[in-house]
Amino acid sequence: MNQDHKTNADADVIEETRRFAEHAKDYYHTIQENENPLVATYRKNPYAVIAGAAGLGYLLAGGLFTPFTRRVLRMGTKALVIPALASQAKGFMSLPEEQ
């Protein structure tokens, strides 16, 4: 009787293992069919993903409050503000005169 009980337990384990393998195979096929959004983005523009990862690493490493970051932000602000002000001034200067 003990041997008979062991055989039933082995059969249950084998059946459970077979079901687990089927679920794992189905899950694998589902993952392959539905592409990860990050993988899709990387395939479209790998340089943007690499730049984002580098920027995130810089922030996580504590680079946010460094003199280098202040300098880069200052230069970036000037690079954005000066052309905007120049285009506004150019538009202001070229207004038609009233007669």
PDB file of N, CA and C in Angstrom:
ATOM      1  N   MET A   1       0.818  -1.185   0.000  1.00  0.00           N
ATOM      2  CA  MET A   1       0.000   0.000   0.000  1.00  0.00           C
ATOM      3  C   MET A   1       0.867   1.256   0.000  1.00  0.00           C
ATOM      4  N   ASN A   2       1.969   1.205   0.679  1.00  0.00           N
ATOM      5  CA  ASN A   2       2.890   2.331   0.722  1.00  0.00           C
ATOM      6  C   ASN A   2       3.459   2.606  -0.665  1.00  0.00           C
ATOM      7  N   GLN A   3       3.776   1.533  -1.402  1.00  0.00           N
ATOM      8  CA  GLN A   3       4.309   1.670  -2.763  1.00  0.00           C
ATOM      9  C   GLN A   3       3.251   2.271  -3.681  1.00  0.00           C
ATOM     10  N   ASP A   4       1.983   1.864  -3.483  1.00  0.00           N
ATOM     11  CA  ASP A   4       0.885   2.372  -4.300  1.00  0.00           C
ATOM     12  C   ASP A   4       0.681   3.874  -4.068  1.00  0.00           C
ATOM     13  N   HIS A   5       0.790   4.306  -2.830  1.00  0.00           N
ATOM     14  CA  HIS A   5       0.662   5.724  -2.471  1.00  0.00           C
ATOM     15  C   HIS A   5       1.795   6.534  -3.089  1.00  0.00           C
ATOM     16  N   LYS A   6       3.006   5.971  -3.077  1.00  0.00           N
ATOM     17  CA  LYS A   6       4.169   6.648  -3.647  1.00  0.00           C
ATOM     18  C   LYS A   6       4.013   6.788  -5.158  1.00  0.00           C
ATOM     19  N   THR A   7       3.460   5.790  -5.810  1.00  0.00           N
ATOM     20  CA  THR A   7       3.254   5.841  -7.254  1.00  0.00           C
ATOM     21  C   THR A   7       2.254   6.922  -7.616  1.00  0.00           C
ATOM     22  N   ASN A   8       1.183   7.064  -6.833  1.00  0.00           N
ATOM     23  CA  ASN A   8       0.198   8.121  -7.075  1.00  0.00           C
ATOM     24  C   ASN A   8       0.802   9.496  -6.850  1.00  0.00           C
ATOM     25  N   ALA A   9       1.634   9.630  -5.830  1.00  0.00           N
ATOM     26  CA  ALA A   9       2.291  10.913  -5.554  1.00  0.00           C
ATOM     27  C   ALA A   9       3.250  11.259  -6.685  1.00  0.00           C
ATOM     28  N   ASP A  10       3.991  10.287  -7.189  1.00  0.00           N
ATOM     29  CA  ASP A  10       4.904  10.522  -8.310  1.00  0.00           C
ATOM     30  C   ASP A  10       4.127  10.941  -9.555  1.00  0.00           C
ATOM     31  N   ALA A  11       2.987  10.286  -9.782  1.00  0.00           N
ATOM     32  CA  ALA A  11       2.164  10.629 -10.942  1.00  0.00           C
ATOM     33  C   ALA A  11       1.641  12.054 -10.805  1.00  0.00           C
ATOM     34  N   ASP A  12       1.262  12.451  -9.595  1.00  0.00           N
ATOM     35  CA  ASP A  12       0.791  13.823  -9.368  1.00  0.00           C
ATOM     36  C   ASP A  12       1.900  14.833  -9.623  1.00  0.00           C
ATOM     37  N   VAL A  13       3.101  14.528  -9.155  1.00  0.00           N
ATOM     38  CA  VAL A  13       4.246  15.426  -9.359  1.00  0.00           C
ATOM     39  C   VAL A  13       4.569  15.537 -10.840  1.00  0.00           C
ATOM     40  N   ILE A  14       4.516  14.425 -11.544  1.00  0.00           N
ATOM     41  CA  ILE A  14       4.799  14.439 -12.979  1.00  0.00           C
ATOM     42  C   ILE A  14       3.748  15.265 -13.711  1.00  0.00           C
ATOM     43  N   GLU A  15       2.491  15.089 -13.349  1.00  0.00           N
ATOM     44  CA  GLU A  15       1.411  15.845 -13.986  1.00  0.00           C
ATOM     45  C   GLU A  15       1.547  17.345 -13.681  1.00  0.00           C
ATOM     46  N   GLU A  16       1.868  17.678 -12.453  1.00  0.00           N
ATOM     47  CA  GLU A  16       2.056  19.077 -12.071  1.00  0.00           C
ATOM     48  C   GLU A  16       3.244  19.688 -12.799  1.00  0.00           C
ATOM     49  N   THR A  17       4.303  18.942 -12.943  1.00  0.00           N
ATOM     50  CA  THR A  17       5.486  19.417 -13.671  1.00  0.00           C
ATOM     51  C   THR A  17       5.152  19.640 -15.143  1.00  0.00           C
ATOM     52  N   ARG A  18       4.352  18.723 -15.729  1.00  0.00           N
ATOM     53  CA  ARG A  18       3.952  18.871 -17.124  1.00  0.00           C
ATOM     54  C   ARG A  18       3.110  20.139 -17.310  1.00  0.00           C
ATOM     55  N   ARG A  19       2.169  20.383 -16.392  1.00  0.00           N
ATOM     56  CA  ARG A  19       1.339  21.590 -16.474  1.00  0.00           C
ATOM     57  C   ARG A  19       2.191  22.852 -16.328  1.00  0.00           C
ATOM     58  N   PHE A  20       3.154  22.798 -15.404  1.00  0.00           N
ATOM     59  CA  PHE A  20       4.049  23.946 -15.211  1.00  0.00           C
ATOM     60  C   PHE A  20       4.850  24.216 -16.483  1.00  0.00           C
ATOM     61  N   ALA A  21       5.355  23.169 -17.120  1.00  0.00           N
ATOM     62  CA  ALA A  21       6.130  23.335 -18.351  1.00  0.00           C
ATOM     63  C   ALA A  21       5.260  23.915 -19.462  1.00  0.00           C
ATOM     64  N   GLU A  22       4.005  23.493 -19.545  1.00  0.00           N
ATOM     65  CA  GLU A  22       3.088  24.027 -20.554  1.00  0.00           C
ATOM     66  C   GLU A  22       2.821  25.516 -20.307  1.00  0.00           C
ATOM     67  N   HIS A  23       2.588  25.863 -19.046  1.00  0.00           N
ATOM     68  CA  HIS A  23       2.363  27.277 -18.713  1.00  0.00           C
ATOM     69  C   HIS A  23       3.602  28.114 -19.021  1.00  0.00           C
ATOM     70  N   ALA A  24       4.767  27.585 -18.714  1.00  0.00           N
ATOM     71  CA  ALA A  24       6.007  28.313 -18.991  1.00  0.00           C
ATOM     72  C   ALA A  24       6.182  28.513 -20.494  1.00  0.00           C
ATOM     73  N   LYS A  25       5.865  27.481 -21.279  1.00  0.00           N
ATOM     74  CA  LYS A  25       5.988  27.587 -22.736  1.00  0.00           C
ATOM     75  C   LYS A  25       4.994  28.611 -23.284  1.00  0.00           C
ATOM     76  N   ASP A  26       3.758  28.584 -22.785  1.00  0.00           N
ATOM     77  CA  ASP A  26       2.758  29.560 -23.219  1.00  0.00           C
ATOM     78  C   ASP A  26       3.184  30.979 -22.859  1.00  0.00           C
ATOM     79  N   TYR A  27       3.725  31.153 -21.662  1.00  0.00           N
ATOM     80  CA  TYR A  27       4.190  32.471 -21.217  1.00  0.00           C
ATOM     81  C   TYR A  27       5.336  32.962 -22.098  1.00  0.00           C
ATOM     82  N   TYR A  28       6.250  32.082 -22.440  1.00  0.00           N
ATOM     83  CA  TYR A  28       7.385  32.431 -23.300  1.00  0.00           C
ATOM     84  C   TYR A  28       6.889  32.903 -24.661  1.00  0.00           C
ATOM     85  N   HIS A  29       5.919  32.193 -25.235  1.00  0.00           N
ATOM     86  CA  HIS A  29       5.383  32.590 -26.538  1.00  0.00           C
ATOM     87  C   HIS A  29       4.635  33.923 -26.442  1.00  0.00           C
ATOM     88  N   THR A  30       3.942  34.149 -25.330  1.00  0.00           N
ATOM     89  CA  THR A  30       3.246  35.420 -25.130  1.00  0.00           C
ATOM     90  C   THR A  30       4.243  36.568 -25.063  1.00  0.00           C
ATOM     91  N   ILE A  31       5.337  36.364 -24.366  1.00  0.00           N
ATOM     92  CA  ILE A  31       6.365  37.404 -24.256  1.00  0.00           C
ATOM     93  C   ILE A  31       6.976  37.693 -25.625  1.00  0.00           C
ATOM     94  N   GLN A  32       7.212  36.658 -26.410  1.00  0.00           N
ATOM     95  CA  GLN A  32       7.791  36.878 -27.735  1.00  0.00           C
ATOM     96  C   GLN A  32       6.838  37.610 -28.658  1.00  0.00           C
ATOM     97  N   GLU A  33       5.534  37.351 -28.530  1.00  0.00           N
ATOM     98  CA  GLU A  33       4.555  38.022 -29.385  1.00  0.00           C
ATOM     99  C   GLU A  33       4.378  39.483 -29.005  1.00  0.00           C
ATOM    100  N   ASN A  34       4.337  39.774 -27.723  1.00  0.00           N
ATOM    101  CA  ASN A  34       4.147  41.136 -27.231  1.00  0.00           C
ATOM    102  C   ASN A  34       5.505  41.721 -26.883  1.00  0.00           C
ATOM    103  N   GLU A  35       6.032  42.554 -27.774  1.00  0.00           N
ATOM    104  CA  GLU A  35       7.369  43.104 -27.573  1.00  0.00           C
ATOM    105  C   GLU A  35       7.367  44.135 -26.447  1.00  0.00           C
ATOM    106  N   ASN A  36       8.390  44.109 -25.643  1.00  0.00           N
ATOM    107  CA  ASN A  36       8.575  45.044 -24.540  1.00  0.00           C
ATOM    108  C   ASN A  36       8.700  46.461 -25.113  1.00  0.00           C
ATOM    109  N   PRO A  37       8.006  47.453 -24.529  1.00  0.00           N
ATOM    110  CA  PRO A  37       8.089  48.827 -25.062  1.00  0.00           C
ATOM    111  C   PRO A  37       9.509  49.389 -25.045  1.00  0.00           C
ATOM    112  N   LEU A  38      10.291  49.025 -24.037  1.00  0.00           N
ATOM    113  CA  LEU A  38      11.667  49.519 -23.987  1.00  0.00           C
ATOM    114  C   LEU A  38      12.499  48.924 -25.119  1.00  0.00           C
ATOM    115  N   VAL A  39      12.281  47.661 -25.421  1.00  0.00           N
ATOM    116  CA  VAL A  39      12.997  47.024 -26.525  1.00  0.00           C
ATOM    117  C   VAL A  39      12.593  47.663 -27.852  1.00  0.00           C
ATOM    118  N   ALA A  40      11.307  47.953 -28.016  1.00  0.00           N
ATOM    119  CA  ALA A  40      10.840  48.598 -29.249  1.00  0.00           C
ATOM    120  C   ALA A  40      11.458  49.985 -29.398  1.00  0.00           C
ATOM    121  N   THR A  41      11.522  50.732 -28.310  1.00  0.00           N
ATOM    122  CA  THR A  41      12.137  52.062 -28.341  1.00  0.00           C
ATOM    123  C   THR A  41      13.620  51.961 -28.672  1.00  0.00           C
ATOM    124  N   TYR A  42      14.288  50.972 -28.093  1.00  0.00           N
ATOM    125  CA  TYR A  42      15.717  50.795 -28.359  1.00  0.00           C
ATOM    126  C   TYR A  42      15.944  50.461 -29.830  1.00  0.00           C
ATOM    127  N   ARG A  43      15.077  49.647 -30.400  1.00  0.00           N
ATOM    128  CA  ARG A  43      15.255  49.297 -31.818  1.00  0.00           C
ATOM    129  C   ARG A  43      15.024  50.498 -32.724  1.00  0.00           C
ATOM    130  N   LYS A  44      14.108  51.388 -32.339  1.00  0.00           N
ATOM    131  CA  LYS A  44      13.825  52.573 -33.157  1.00  0.00           C
ATOM    132  C   LYS A  44      14.919  53.626 -33.012  1.00  0.00           C
ATOM    133  N   ASN A  45      15.398  53.853 -31.775  1.00  0.00           N
ATOM    134  CA  ASN A  45      16.375  54.915 -31.534  1.00  0.00           C
ATOM    135  C   ASN A  45      17.319  54.495 -30.411  1.00  0.00           C
ATOM    136  N   PRO A  46      18.332  53.698 -30.734  1.00  0.00           N
ATOM    137  CA  PRO A  46      19.215  53.193 -29.677  1.00  0.00           C
ATOM    138  C   PRO A  46      20.020  54.289 -28.975  1.00  0.00           C
ATOM    139  N   TYR A  47      20.370  55.349 -29.675  1.00  0.00           N
ATOM    140  CA  TYR A  47      21.171  56.394 -29.055  1.00  0.00           C
ATOM    141  C   TYR A  47      20.386  57.133 -27.975  1.00  0.00           C
ATOM    142  N   ALA A  48      19.094  57.320 -28.173  1.00  0.00           N
ATOM    143  CA  ALA A  48      18.267  57.987 -27.159  1.00  0.00           C
ATOM    144  C   ALA A  48      18.173  57.128 -25.897  1.00  0.00           C
ATOM    145  N   VAL A  49      18.052  55.830 -26.058  1.00  0.00           N
ATOM    146  CA  VAL A  49      17.977  54.940 -24.892  1.00  0.00           C
ATOM    147  C   VAL A  49      19.302  54.951 -24.143  1.00  0.00           C
ATOM    148  N   ILE A  50      20.402  54.924 -24.863  1.00  0.00           N
ATOM    149  CA  ILE A  50      21.722  54.940 -24.223  1.00  0.00           C
ATOM    150  C   ILE A  50      21.946  56.278 -23.517  1.00  0.00           C
ATOM    151  N   ALA A  51      21.550  57.382 -24.150  1.00  0.00           N
ATOM    152  CA  ALA A  51      21.696  58.698 -23.516  1.00  0.00           C
ATOM    153  C   ALA A  51      20.830  58.786 -22.263  1.00  0.00           C
ATOM    154  N   GLY A  52      19.619  58.266 -22.334  1.00  0.00           N
ATOM    155  CA  GLY A  52      18.749  58.259 -21.157  1.00  0.00           C
ATOM    156  C   GLY A  52      19.329  57.434 -20.025  1.00  0.00           C
ATOM    157  N   ALA A  53      19.898  56.287 -20.362  1.00  0.00           N
ATOM    158  CA  ALA A  53      20.518  55.440 -19.333  1.00  0.00           C
ATOM    159  C   ALA A  53      21.727  56.137 -18.718  1.00  0.00           C
ATOM    160  N   ALA A  54      22.507  56.817 -19.540  1.00  0.00           N
ATOM    161  CA  ALA A  54      23.662  57.543 -19.016  1.00  0.00           C
ATOM    162  C   ALA A  54      23.221  58.683 -18.108  1.00  0.00           C
ATOM    163  N   GLY A  55      22.183  59.406 -18.519  1.00  0.00           N
ATOM    164  CA  GLY A  55      21.665  60.497 -17.684  1.00  0.00           C
ATOM    165  C   GLY A  55      21.104  59.988 -16.369  1.00  0.00           C
ATOM    166  N   LEU A  56      20.382  58.896 -16.423  1.00  0.00           N
ATOM    167  CA  LEU A  56      19.842  58.311 -15.196  1.00  0.00           C
ATOM    168  C   LEU A  56      20.963  57.840 -14.278  1.00  0.00           C
ATOM    169  N   GLY A  57      21.978  57.239 -14.848  1.00  0.00           N
ATOM    170  CA  GLY A  57      23.132  56.818 -14.052  1.00  0.00           C
ATOM    171  C   GLY A  57      23.843  58.000 -13.420  1.00  0.00           C
ATOM    172  N   TYR A  58      23.951  59.091 -14.168  1.00  0.00           N
ATOM    173  CA  TYR A  58      24.580  60.305 -13.635  1.00  0.00           C
ATOM    174  C   TYR A  58      23.797  60.840 -12.441  1.00  0.00           C
ATOM    175  N   LEU A  59      22.467  60.859 -12.576  1.00  0.00           N
ATOM    176  CA  LEU A  59      21.633  61.339 -11.467  1.00  0.00           C
ATOM    177  C   LEU A  59      21.712  60.414 -10.259  1.00  0.00           C
ATOM    178  N   LEU A  60      21.640  59.120 -10.499  1.00  0.00           N
ATOM    179  CA  LEU A  60      21.684  58.163  -9.386  1.00  0.00           C
ATOM    180  C   LEU A  60      23.039  58.149  -8.687  1.00  0.00           C
ATOM    181  N   ALA A  61      24.078  58.511  -9.409  1.00  0.00           N
ATOM    182  CA  ALA A  61      25.420  58.532  -8.818  1.00  0.00           C
ATOM    183  C   ALA A  61      25.673  59.809  -8.026  1.00  0.00           C
ATOM    184  N   GLY A  62      24.690  60.712  -8.002  1.00  0.00           N
ATOM    185  CA  GLY A  62      24.845  61.926  -7.209  1.00  0.00           C
ATOM    186  C   GLY A  62      25.383  63.099  -7.974  1.00  0.00           C
ATOM    187  N   GLY A  63      25.267  63.088  -9.267  1.00  0.00           N
ATOM    188  CA  GLY A  63      25.821  64.160 -10.080  1.00  0.00           C
ATOM    189  C   GLY A  63      24.948  65.389 -10.191  1.00  0.00           C
ATOM    190  N   LEU A  64      23.772  65.369  -9.580  1.00  0.00           N
ATOM    191  CA  LEU A  64      22.850  66.488  -9.736  1.00  0.00           C
ATOM    192  C   LEU A  64      23.354  67.762  -9.064  1.00  0.00           C
ATOM    193  N   PHE A  65      23.942  67.648  -7.896  1.00  0.00           N
ATOM    194  CA  PHE A  65      24.380  68.826  -7.134  1.00  0.00           C
ATOM    195  C   PHE A  65      25.890  69.001  -7.196  1.00  0.00           C
ATOM    196  N   THR A  66      26.427  69.045  -8.401  1.00  0.00           N
ATOM    197  CA  THR A  66      27.869  69.228  -8.580  1.00  0.00           C
ATOM    198  C   THR A  66      28.112  70.516  -9.356  1.00  0.00           C
ATOM    199  N   PRO A  67      29.308  71.074  -9.254  1.00  0.00           N
ATOM    200  CA  PRO A  67      29.628  72.285 -10.028  1.00  0.00           C
ATOM    201  C   PRO A  67      29.495  72.055 -11.537  1.00  0.00           C
ATOM    202  N   PHE A  68      29.825  70.866 -11.993  1.00  0.00           N
ATOM    203  CA  PHE A  68      29.708  70.565 -13.420  1.00  0.00           C
ATOM    204  C   PHE A  68      28.259  70.702 -13.890  1.00  0.00           C
ATOM    205  N   THR A  69      27.334  70.195 -13.098  1.00  0.00           N
ATOM    206  CA  THR A  69      25.918  70.280 -13.466  1.00  0.00           C
ATOM    207  C   THR A  69      25.455  71.726 -13.483  1.00  0.00           C
ATOM    208  N   ARG A  70      25.868  72.514 -12.514  1.00  0.00           N
ATOM    209  CA  ARG A  70      25.495  73.932 -12.508  1.00  0.00           C
ATOM    210  C   ARG A  70      26.010  74.629 -13.763  1.00  0.00           C
ATOM    211  N   ARG A  71      27.248  74.324 -14.129  1.00  0.00           N
ATOM    212  CA  ARG A  71      27.849  74.945 -15.310  1.00  0.00           C
ATOM    213  C   ARG A  71      27.091  74.556 -16.580  1.00  0.00           C
ATOM    214  N   VAL A  72      26.754  73.271 -16.693  1.00  0.00           N
ATOM    215  CA  VAL A  72      26.031  72.801 -17.879  1.00  0.00           C
ATOM    216  C   VAL A  72      24.631  73.410 -17.939  1.00  0.00           C
ATOM    217  N   LEU A  73      23.946  73.494 -16.813  1.00  0.00           N
ATOM    218  CA  LEU A  73      22.617  74.113 -16.793  1.00  0.00           C
ATOM    219  C   LEU A  73      22.687  75.590 -17.155  1.00  0.00           C
ATOM    220  N   ARG A  74      23.709  76.268 -16.673  1.00  0.00           N
ATOM    221  CA  ARG A  74      23.870  77.684 -17.000  1.00  0.00           C
ATOM    222  C   ARG A  74      24.100  77.860 -18.505  1.00  0.00           C
ATOM    223  N   MET A  75      24.957  77.022 -19.084  1.00  0.00           N
ATOM    224  CA  MET A  75      25.212  77.112 -20.526  1.00  0.00           C
ATOM    225  C   MET A  75      23.954  76.758 -21.322  1.00  0.00           C
ATOM    226  N   GLY A  76      23.217  75.736 -20.868  1.00  0.00           N
ATOM    227  CA  GLY A  76      21.991  75.345 -21.559  1.00  0.00           C
ATOM    228  C   GLY A  76      20.934  76.423 -21.506  1.00  0.00           C
ATOM    229  N   THR A  77      20.828  77.077 -20.361  1.00  0.00           N
ATOM    230  CA  THR A  77      19.863  78.162 -20.224  1.00  0.00           C
ATOM    231  C   THR A  77      20.213  79.302 -21.168  1.00  0.00           C
ATOM    232  N   LYS A  78      21.485  79.653 -21.222  1.00  0.00           N
ATOM    233  CA  LYS A  78      21.909  80.715 -22.142  1.00  0.00           C
ATOM    234  C   LYS A  78      21.648  80.308 -23.584  1.00  0.00           C
ATOM    235  N   ALA A  79      21.892  79.038 -23.901  1.00  0.00           N
ATOM    236  CA  ALA A  79      21.698  78.566 -25.273  1.00  0.00           C
ATOM    237  C   ALA A  79      20.232  78.603 -25.669  1.00  0.00           C
ATOM    238  N   LEU A  80      19.335  78.478 -24.704  1.00  0.00           N
ATOM    239  CA  LEU A  80      17.905  78.533 -25.024  1.00  0.00           C
ATOM    240  C   LEU A  80      17.343  79.946 -24.961  1.00  0.00           C
ATOM    241  N   VAL A  81      17.790  80.719 -23.975  1.00  0.00           N
ATOM    242  CA  VAL A  81      17.213  82.046 -23.753  1.00  0.00           C
ATOM    243  C   VAL A  81      17.700  83.064 -24.774  1.00  0.00           C
ATOM    244  N   ILE A  82      18.963  83.081 -25.074  1.00  0.00           N
ATOM    245  CA  ILE A  82      19.520  84.099 -25.974  1.00  0.00           C
ATOM    246  C   ILE A  82      18.891  84.022 -27.370  1.00  0.00           C
ATOM    247  N   PRO A  83      18.791  82.834 -28.001  1.00  0.00           N
ATOM    248  CA  PRO A  83      18.121  82.810 -29.315  1.00  0.00           C
ATOM    249  C   PRO A  83      16.643  83.209 -29.232  1.00  0.00           C
ATOM    250  N   ALA A  84      15.965  82.850 -28.150  1.00  0.00           N
ATOM    251  CA  ALA A  84      14.563  83.233 -28.006  1.00  0.00           C
ATOM    252  C   ALA A  84      14.428  84.742 -27.884  1.00  0.00           C
ATOM    253  N   LEU A  85      15.281  85.355 -27.088  1.00  0.00           N
ATOM    254  CA  LEU A  85      15.255  86.817 -26.958  1.00  0.00           C
ATOM    255  C   LEU A  85      15.628  87.500 -28.267  1.00  0.00           C
ATOM    256  N   ALA A  86      16.584  86.932 -28.988  1.00  0.00           N
ATOM    257  CA  ALA A  86      16.995  87.516 -30.265  1.00  0.00           C
ATOM    258  C   ALA A  86      15.851  87.462 -31.275  1.00  0.00           C
ATOM    259  N   SER A  87      15.126  86.352 -31.312  1.00  0.00           N
ATOM    260  CA  SER A  87      14.016  86.271 -32.273  1.00  0.00           C
ATOM    261  C   SER A  87      12.885  87.224 -31.874  1.00  0.00           C
ATOM    262  N   GLN A  88      12.664  87.397 -30.564  1.00  0.00           N
ATOM    263  CA  GLN A  88      11.657  88.356 -30.117  1.00  0.00           C
ATOM    264  C   GLN A  88      12.075  89.785 -30.484  1.00  0.00           C
ATOM    265  N   ALA A  89      13.343  90.100 -30.272  1.00  0.00           N
ATOM    266  CA  ALA A  89      13.834  91.439 -30.605  1.00  0.00           C
ATOM    267  C   ALA A  89      13.762  91.676 -32.107  1.00  0.00           C
ATOM    268  N   LYS A  90      14.071  90.648 -32.882  1.00  0.00           N
ATOM    269  CA  LYS A  90      14.007  90.785 -34.334  1.00  0.00           C
ATOM    270  C   LYS A  90      12.565  91.026 -34.777  1.00  0.00           C
ATOM    271  N   GLY A  91      11.645  90.308 -34.167  1.00  0.00           N
ATOM    272  CA  GLY A  91      10.230  90.511 -34.484  1.00  0.00           C
ATOM    273  C   GLY A  91       9.748  91.885 -34.058  1.00  0.00           C
ATOM    274  N   PHE A  92      10.244  92.375 -32.945  1.00  0.00           N
ATOM    275  CA  PHE A  92       9.873  93.694 -32.451  1.00  0.00           C
ATOM    276  C   PHE A  92      10.394  94.803 -33.347  1.00  0.00           C
ATOM    277  N   MET A  93      11.628  94.620 -33.843  1.00  0.00           N
ATOM    278  CA  MET A  93      12.245  95.626 -34.673  1.00  0.00           C
ATOM    279  C   MET A  93      11.631  95.676 -36.068  1.00  0.00           C
ATOM    280  N   SER A  94      11.041  94.593 -36.521  1.00  0.00           N
ATOM    281  CA  SER A  94      10.532  94.589 -37.882  1.00  0.00           C
ATOM    282  C   SER A  94       9.027  94.850 -37.957  1.00  0.00           C
ATOM    283  N   LEU A  95       8.468  95.435 -36.906  1.00  0.00           N
ATOM    284  CA  LEU A  95       7.045  95.779 -36.928  1.00  0.00           C
ATOM    285  C   LEU A  95       6.822  96.883 -37.963  1.00  0.00           C
ATOM    286  N   PRO A  96       5.747  96.797 -38.694  1.00  0.00           N
ATOM    287  CA  PRO A  96       5.504  97.867 -39.694  1.00  0.00           C
ATOM    288  C   PRO A  96       5.171  99.180 -38.971  1.00  0.00           C
ATOM    289  N   GLU A  97       5.670 100.233 -39.543  1.00  0.00           N
ATOM    290  CA  GLU A  97       5.427 101.543 -38.942  1.00  0.00           C
ATOM    291  C   GLU A  97       4.031 102.025 -39.306  1.00  0.00           C
ATOM    292  N   GLU A  98       3.399 102.709 -38.381  1.00  0.00           N
ATOM    293  CA  GLU A  98       2.060 103.252 -38.632  1.00  0.00           C
ATOM    294  C   GLU A  98       2.194 104.516 -39.462  1.00  0.00           C
ATOM    295  N   GLN A  99       1.246 104.726 -40.317  1.00  0.00           N
ATOM    296  CA  GLN A  99       1.291 105.915 -41.192  1.00  0.00           C
ATOM    297  C   GLN A  99       0.322 106.956 -40.754  1.00  0.00           C
TER     298      GLN A  99
END
